[in-house]
N, C-alpha and C. Protein backbone atom coordinates (compact mmCIF):
# COMPACT_ATOMS: atom_id res chain seq x y z
N MET A 1 58.64 154.84 83.98
CA MET A 1 57.52 153.47 83.15
C MET A 1 56.76 152.89 84.64
N ALA A 2 55.44 152.22 84.23
CA ALA A 2 54.77 152.08 85.43
C ALA A 2 55.00 150.76 86.00
N ASP A 3 55.08 149.95 86.68
CA ASP A 3 55.26 148.32 87.32
C ASP A 3 54.45 147.82 87.03
N GLN A 4 54.24 146.60 85.94
CA GLN A 4 53.72 145.71 85.62
C GLN A 4 53.16 144.78 87.06
N PRO A 5 52.14 144.44 86.55
CA PRO A 5 51.15 143.43 88.24
C PRO A 5 51.70 142.35 88.10
N ASN A 6 52.08 141.88 89.33
CA ASN A 6 52.50 140.92 89.89
C ASN A 6 51.29 139.54 89.25
N PRO A 7 51.36 139.23 88.54
CA PRO A 7 50.29 137.83 88.08
C PRO A 7 49.91 136.92 89.06
N LYS A 8 51.22 136.57 89.96
CA LYS A 8 50.67 135.37 90.89
C LYS A 8 49.85 136.60 92.42
N VAL A 9 49.75 137.78 92.76
CA VAL A 9 49.34 138.26 93.35
C VAL A 9 48.10 139.17 92.98
N ASP A 10 47.96 139.13 91.91
CA ASP A 10 46.95 139.67 90.72
C ASP A 10 45.70 138.51 90.29
N ILE A 11 46.72 137.44 90.90
CA ILE A 11 45.36 136.33 89.90
C ILE A 11 44.55 135.37 90.84
N GLU A 12 43.06 135.67 90.46
CA GLU A 12 42.41 134.61 91.52
C GLU A 12 41.69 133.62 90.78
N TYR A 13 42.14 132.26 91.44
CA TYR A 13 41.58 131.10 90.75
C TYR A 13 40.81 130.42 91.37
N LYS A 14 39.85 129.89 90.93
CA LYS A 14 38.33 129.20 90.85
C LYS A 14 38.44 127.97 90.20
N LEU A 15 37.12 126.56 91.12
CA LEU A 15 37.13 125.60 90.68
C LEU A 15 35.90 125.86 90.69
N SER A 16 35.46 125.50 89.30
CA SER A 16 34.21 125.13 88.72
C SER A 16 33.64 126.07 88.86
N PRO A 17 33.45 127.22 88.46
CA PRO A 17 32.30 128.14 88.54
C PRO A 17 31.58 128.19 87.98
N PRO A 18 30.33 129.00 88.23
CA PRO A 18 29.73 128.91 86.69
C PRO A 18 30.24 130.08 85.77
N ILE A 19 30.00 129.50 85.00
CA ILE A 19 30.68 130.44 83.24
C ILE A 19 30.41 130.73 82.55
N PRO A 20 29.82 132.04 81.56
CA PRO A 20 29.14 131.93 80.62
C PRO A 20 29.65 131.76 79.60
N ASN A 21 29.39 130.76 78.39
CA ASN A 21 29.92 130.99 76.97
C ASN A 21 30.55 132.18 76.73
N ALA A 22 30.15 133.36 76.40
CA ALA A 22 30.80 134.64 76.12
C ALA A 22 32.26 134.45 76.89
N GLU A 23 32.36 134.22 78.34
CA GLU A 23 34.07 134.52 78.53
C GLU A 23 34.49 133.37 78.24
N LEU A 24 34.29 132.22 78.07
CA LEU A 24 35.04 131.24 77.36
C LEU A 24 35.20 131.16 75.81
N ASN A 25 34.57 131.76 75.26
CA ASN A 25 34.65 132.08 73.61
C ASN A 25 35.91 133.29 73.75
N ARG A 26 35.67 133.88 74.47
CA ARG A 26 36.31 135.38 74.43
C ARG A 26 38.12 134.97 74.34
N LEU A 27 38.14 134.54 75.77
CA LEU A 27 39.75 133.71 75.48
C LEU A 27 40.02 132.90 75.12
N PHE A 28 38.93 132.11 74.64
CA PHE A 28 39.64 130.92 73.50
C PHE A 28 39.79 131.50 72.09
N ALA A 29 39.49 132.75 71.66
CA ALA A 29 39.08 133.27 70.27
C ALA A 29 40.18 134.35 70.86
N ALA A 30 41.00 134.84 71.98
CA ALA A 30 41.97 135.30 71.96
C ALA A 30 43.67 134.84 72.07
N ALA A 31 43.54 133.40 72.44
CA ALA A 31 43.96 132.42 72.45
C ALA A 31 44.75 131.54 71.68
N TRP A 32 43.79 130.69 70.70
CA TRP A 32 43.70 130.07 69.11
C TRP A 32 42.64 130.90 68.38
N PRO A 33 43.80 130.79 67.36
CA PRO A 33 43.43 131.85 66.44
C PRO A 33 42.59 131.09 65.45
N ASN A 34 42.23 129.73 65.04
CA ASN A 34 41.40 129.67 64.44
C ASN A 34 39.99 129.18 65.49
N HIS A 35 39.74 129.20 66.88
CA HIS A 35 38.58 129.27 67.44
C HIS A 35 37.35 129.76 67.10
N THR A 36 36.24 128.96 66.90
CA THR A 36 35.10 129.45 66.37
C THR A 36 34.30 129.20 67.58
N ALA A 37 33.30 130.26 68.17
CA ALA A 37 32.43 130.26 68.79
C ALA A 37 31.46 128.80 69.70
N SER A 38 31.98 128.33 70.74
CA SER A 38 30.88 126.79 70.97
C SER A 38 30.53 127.54 72.47
N ASP A 39 29.16 126.19 72.24
CA ASP A 39 28.42 126.41 73.53
C ASP A 39 28.94 124.95 74.44
N PHE A 40 30.02 125.98 75.55
CA PHE A 40 30.67 124.82 76.13
C PHE A 40 30.23 124.00 77.51
N GLN A 41 28.41 124.70 77.78
CA GLN A 41 27.99 123.86 79.07
C GLN A 41 28.05 122.60 78.93
N PRO A 42 27.62 121.98 77.55
CA PRO A 42 27.61 120.63 78.03
C PRO A 42 28.77 119.73 78.40
N ILE A 43 29.68 120.32 77.57
CA ILE A 43 31.54 120.09 78.34
C ILE A 43 31.17 120.44 79.93
N LEU A 44 31.09 121.68 80.23
CA LEU A 44 31.70 121.47 81.78
C LEU A 44 30.49 121.26 82.50
N GLN A 45 29.10 120.48 82.28
CA GLN A 45 28.46 119.86 82.82
C GLN A 45 28.70 118.64 83.18
N ARG A 46 29.84 117.81 82.26
CA ARG A 46 30.24 116.37 82.70
C ARG A 46 31.61 116.12 82.96
N SER A 47 32.39 117.40 83.45
CA SER A 47 33.68 117.60 83.58
C SER A 47 33.30 117.13 84.69
N LEU A 48 35.18 116.26 85.40
CA LEU A 48 34.71 116.58 86.96
C LEU A 48 35.15 117.40 87.20
N ALA A 49 36.27 118.50 86.86
CA ALA A 49 36.14 119.79 87.35
C ALA A 49 36.87 120.84 86.32
N TYR A 50 36.78 122.05 86.78
CA TYR A 50 38.09 122.91 85.73
C TYR A 50 38.14 123.89 86.61
N VAL A 51 38.96 124.46 86.29
CA VAL A 51 39.67 125.73 87.12
C VAL A 51 40.14 126.91 85.84
N CYS A 52 39.37 127.89 86.46
CA CYS A 52 39.22 129.32 86.02
C CYS A 52 40.19 130.19 86.76
N ALA A 53 41.44 131.13 86.03
CA ALA A 53 42.00 131.89 86.76
C ALA A 53 41.19 133.79 86.01
N TYR A 54 40.95 133.92 86.86
CA TYR A 54 40.72 135.83 86.83
C TYR A 54 41.39 136.93 87.20
N ARG A 55 41.72 137.65 86.33
CA ARG A 55 42.46 139.04 86.54
C ARG A 55 41.67 140.50 86.54
N ASP A 56 41.19 140.91 87.92
CA ASP A 56 40.81 142.30 87.65
C ASP A 56 39.29 141.35 87.30
N GLN A 57 38.82 140.30 87.57
CA GLN A 57 37.30 139.89 87.48
C GLN A 57 37.23 139.64 86.02
N ALA A 58 38.15 139.17 85.03
CA ALA A 58 38.07 138.79 83.83
C ALA A 58 38.85 138.11 83.49
N LEU A 59 38.32 136.38 82.90
CA LEU A 59 38.43 135.71 82.48
C LEU A 59 39.90 135.60 82.19
N VAL A 60 41.18 134.82 82.57
CA VAL A 60 42.20 134.75 81.55
C VAL A 60 42.84 133.36 81.16
N GLY A 61 42.07 132.48 82.12
CA GLY A 61 42.86 131.45 82.28
C GLY A 61 42.11 130.40 82.68
N PHE A 62 42.04 128.86 81.75
CA PHE A 62 41.11 128.05 81.81
C PHE A 62 41.97 126.74 81.66
N VAL A 63 41.57 125.75 82.35
CA VAL A 63 41.54 124.00 82.42
C VAL A 63 40.60 123.55 82.29
N ASN A 64 40.35 122.39 82.08
CA ASN A 64 39.54 121.46 81.43
C ASN A 64 39.50 120.17 82.54
N LEU A 65 38.93 119.39 83.38
CA LEU A 65 39.39 118.10 83.91
C LEU A 65 38.35 117.08 83.48
N ALA A 66 38.35 116.40 82.25
CA ALA A 66 37.31 115.57 81.62
C ALA A 66 37.77 114.26 82.84
N TRP A 67 36.70 113.24 82.48
CA TRP A 67 37.03 111.36 82.96
C TRP A 67 36.26 110.64 82.63
N ASP A 68 36.60 109.78 83.06
CA ASP A 68 35.70 108.58 82.62
C ASP A 68 34.73 107.86 83.29
N GLY A 69 34.61 108.70 84.68
CA GLY A 69 34.13 108.28 85.39
C GLY A 69 34.49 107.26 86.05
N GLY A 70 35.81 106.71 86.03
CA GLY A 70 36.45 105.90 86.97
C GLY A 70 38.06 106.43 87.64
N ILE A 71 39.33 105.94 87.41
CA ILE A 71 40.31 106.37 87.98
C ILE A 71 41.12 107.24 86.75
N HIS A 72 40.47 107.74 85.77
CA HIS A 72 41.42 108.25 84.58
C HIS A 72 40.51 109.94 84.32
N ALA A 73 41.74 110.61 84.57
CA ALA A 73 40.76 111.92 83.77
C ALA A 73 42.25 112.25 82.89
N PHE A 74 41.78 113.36 82.35
CA PHE A 74 42.16 114.08 80.93
C PHE A 74 41.95 115.32 81.26
N LEU A 75 43.05 116.15 80.77
CA LEU A 75 43.39 117.84 80.88
C LEU A 75 43.02 117.64 79.66
N LEU A 76 42.44 118.91 79.20
CA LEU A 76 41.81 119.40 78.26
C LEU A 76 42.18 120.90 78.24
N ASP A 77 42.00 121.54 76.73
CA ASP A 77 42.06 122.93 76.75
C ASP A 77 43.12 124.05 77.72
N THR A 78 44.07 123.61 77.84
CA THR A 78 44.72 124.62 78.58
C THR A 78 45.09 125.69 77.99
N THR A 79 44.45 126.67 78.59
CA THR A 79 44.60 128.53 77.58
C THR A 79 44.44 129.54 78.84
N VAL A 80 45.63 130.42 78.45
CA VAL A 80 46.00 131.35 79.03
C VAL A 80 45.91 132.83 77.90
N ASP A 81 45.78 133.45 78.51
CA ASP A 81 45.24 134.77 77.62
C ASP A 81 46.78 135.38 77.05
N PRO A 82 46.66 135.56 75.84
CA PRO A 82 48.08 135.96 75.60
C PRO A 82 48.87 137.17 76.09
N ALA A 83 48.29 137.93 76.52
CA ALA A 83 48.37 139.11 77.49
C ALA A 83 49.01 138.80 78.84
N VAL A 84 48.90 137.37 79.21
CA VAL A 84 49.53 137.09 80.49
C VAL A 84 50.46 135.55 80.49
N GLN A 85 50.63 135.06 79.48
CA GLN A 85 51.39 133.95 79.05
C GLN A 85 52.64 133.90 79.45
N ARG A 86 53.23 133.27 79.88
CA ARG A 86 54.95 132.88 80.59
C ARG A 86 54.89 133.76 81.40
N GLN A 87 54.14 133.38 82.47
CA GLN A 87 54.04 134.12 83.68
C GLN A 87 54.17 133.06 84.93
N GLY A 88 53.31 131.76 84.12
CA GLY A 88 53.18 131.05 85.49
C GLY A 88 51.74 130.85 85.55
N LEU A 89 50.78 130.96 84.87
CA LEU A 89 49.58 130.92 85.10
C LEU A 89 49.08 129.56 84.85
N GLY A 90 49.75 129.06 83.42
CA GLY A 90 49.33 127.40 82.68
C GLY A 90 49.85 126.61 83.83
N ARG A 91 50.93 126.61 84.66
CA ARG A 91 51.60 125.95 85.24
C ARG A 91 50.71 125.70 86.42
N GLU A 92 50.27 126.97 87.23
CA GLU A 92 49.24 126.86 88.12
C GLU A 92 47.86 126.56 87.91
N LEU A 93 47.38 126.55 86.65
CA LEU A 93 46.11 126.17 86.19
C LEU A 93 46.08 124.66 86.28
N VAL A 94 47.24 124.11 85.65
CA VAL A 94 47.15 122.38 85.98
C VAL A 94 47.84 121.86 87.21
N ALA A 95 48.35 122.61 88.27
CA ALA A 95 49.04 122.28 89.19
C ALA A 95 47.48 122.10 90.14
N ARG A 96 46.32 123.25 89.79
CA ARG A 96 45.10 123.15 90.99
C ARG A 96 44.56 121.74 90.46
N ALA A 97 44.25 121.42 89.08
CA ALA A 97 43.40 120.24 88.52
C ALA A 97 44.16 119.41 88.60
N LEU A 98 45.09 119.03 88.92
CA LEU A 98 45.87 117.91 89.69
C LEU A 98 45.63 117.48 91.27
N VAL A 99 45.36 118.73 91.80
CA VAL A 99 44.80 118.78 93.34
C VAL A 99 43.69 118.12 93.20
N ALA A 100 42.95 118.82 92.35
CA ALA A 100 41.14 118.70 92.21
C ALA A 100 41.07 117.43 91.88
N ALA A 101 41.89 116.60 90.93
CA ALA A 101 41.86 115.68 90.94
C ALA A 101 42.14 114.04 91.94
N ARG A 102 43.38 114.62 92.19
CA ARG A 102 43.48 113.60 93.39
C ARG A 102 42.89 113.82 94.65
N GLU A 103 41.73 114.68 94.99
CA GLU A 103 40.61 114.69 95.92
C GLU A 103 39.93 114.43 95.44
N ARG A 104 39.53 113.82 94.36
CA ARG A 104 38.32 112.85 93.97
C ARG A 104 38.72 111.78 93.46
N GLY A 105 40.07 111.38 93.85
CA GLY A 105 39.87 109.84 93.73
C GLY A 105 40.48 109.32 92.63
N ILE A 106 41.02 110.42 91.68
CA ILE A 106 41.76 110.07 90.46
C ILE A 106 42.80 109.27 90.61
N GLU A 107 43.22 108.61 89.88
CA GLU A 107 44.77 107.74 89.37
C GLU A 107 45.59 108.00 88.92
N TRP A 108 44.69 108.79 88.03
CA TRP A 108 45.81 109.36 86.40
C TRP A 108 45.08 110.66 85.85
N VAL A 109 46.07 110.85 85.61
CA VAL A 109 45.64 111.95 84.64
C VAL A 109 46.37 112.34 83.21
N HIS A 110 45.69 111.90 82.60
CA HIS A 110 46.67 111.96 80.80
C HIS A 110 46.40 113.29 80.23
N VAL A 111 47.05 113.61 79.35
CA VAL A 111 47.06 115.22 78.41
C VAL A 111 48.05 114.93 77.36
N ASP A 112 47.43 114.98 76.27
CA ASP A 112 47.76 114.91 75.18
C ASP A 112 48.52 116.30 74.32
N TYR A 113 49.20 116.26 73.90
CA TYR A 113 49.74 117.65 73.46
C TYR A 113 50.64 118.07 71.93
N GLU A 114 51.10 118.77 71.33
CA GLU A 114 51.72 119.40 70.30
C GLU A 114 52.94 119.14 70.61
N PRO A 115 54.28 118.57 70.33
CA PRO A 115 55.65 118.90 70.37
C PRO A 115 56.23 120.24 71.19
N HIS A 116 55.64 121.01 70.49
CA HIS A 116 56.17 122.38 71.16
C HIS A 116 56.10 122.52 72.44
N LEU A 117 55.03 122.26 73.23
CA LEU A 117 54.29 122.46 74.64
C LEU A 117 55.06 120.98 75.28
N GLY A 118 55.75 120.46 74.80
CA GLY A 118 56.47 119.01 75.61
C GLY A 118 57.19 119.85 77.21
N ASP A 119 58.00 120.92 76.54
CA ASP A 119 58.48 121.11 78.01
C ASP A 119 57.41 121.93 78.72
N PHE A 120 56.38 122.13 78.69
CA PHE A 120 55.58 122.80 79.67
C PHE A 120 54.99 122.18 80.49
N TYR A 121 54.58 120.82 79.89
CA TYR A 121 53.50 119.58 80.46
C TYR A 121 55.03 118.48 81.32
N ARG A 122 56.12 118.55 80.99
CA ARG A 122 57.34 118.09 81.72
C ARG A 122 57.48 118.69 82.84
N GLY A 123 57.36 119.98 82.80
CA GLY A 123 57.31 120.86 83.57
C GLY A 123 56.20 121.00 84.76
N CYS A 124 55.15 120.69 84.35
CA CYS A 124 54.05 120.08 85.49
C CYS A 124 53.89 118.85 85.72
N GLY A 125 54.80 117.93 85.41
CA GLY A 125 55.00 116.75 86.01
C GLY A 125 54.38 115.79 85.48
N PHE A 126 54.59 115.87 84.18
CA PHE A 126 53.74 115.04 83.06
C PHE A 126 54.99 114.15 82.55
N ARG A 127 54.94 113.24 82.46
CA ARG A 127 55.85 112.00 81.29
C ARG A 127 55.05 111.79 79.86
N PRO A 128 56.61 111.71 78.70
CA PRO A 128 55.52 111.26 77.64
C PRO A 128 55.73 109.82 77.75
N THR A 129 54.47 109.51 76.95
CA THR A 129 54.32 108.02 77.19
C THR A 129 53.84 107.84 75.65
N GLU A 130 53.32 106.26 75.07
CA GLU A 130 53.50 106.01 74.20
C GLU A 130 51.66 106.16 73.87
N ALA A 131 50.97 106.95 72.74
CA ALA A 131 49.56 106.79 72.49
C ALA A 131 49.18 106.69 71.03
N GLY A 132 47.99 106.27 70.72
CA GLY A 132 47.59 106.23 69.92
C GLY A 132 46.26 107.32 69.84
N LEU A 133 45.69 107.82 68.30
CA LEU A 133 44.93 108.50 67.83
C LEU A 133 44.37 108.26 66.26
N VAL A 134 43.28 108.25 66.37
CA VAL A 134 42.28 108.33 65.20
C VAL A 134 41.48 109.39 65.00
N GLN A 135 41.75 109.81 64.12
CA GLN A 135 40.97 111.13 63.51
C GLN A 135 39.28 110.55 62.91
N LEU A 136 38.59 110.57 63.42
CA LEU A 136 37.18 110.23 63.07
C LEU A 136 36.50 111.52 62.35
N LYS A 137 37.06 112.79 62.38
CA LYS A 137 36.31 113.68 61.33
C LYS A 137 37.55 114.17 60.68
N PRO A 138 37.46 114.68 59.34
CA PRO A 138 38.69 115.49 59.09
C PRO A 138 38.44 116.88 59.37
């Protein structure tokens, strides 16, 4: 049986690299069953930063750090390719996004998540808070 590669050694993280839509759409399609192809460029251009994880030069992880132009940022779209999930990539993506936020003067980073992701985000240092949500488009 061949040894499995160690993802902590084999993963390269990049902060806000140029990234084609095709790469992000491939990753999102692998990780999110209902994903439809999107143009990510307008979102990325407005982001405070985003972190990408590559394995053998293929995109295997992504997290976006959106912001309000002031002291609040928002973690969005934490995504890891299912082939490398549960190996610490997601936590490393979030940790690197938090460092980028701190370096840019952000005081608060918010994240919304579904209940089954609570342990993951608590493990990344987030604490639950009350929040409100209005769905504008059904």
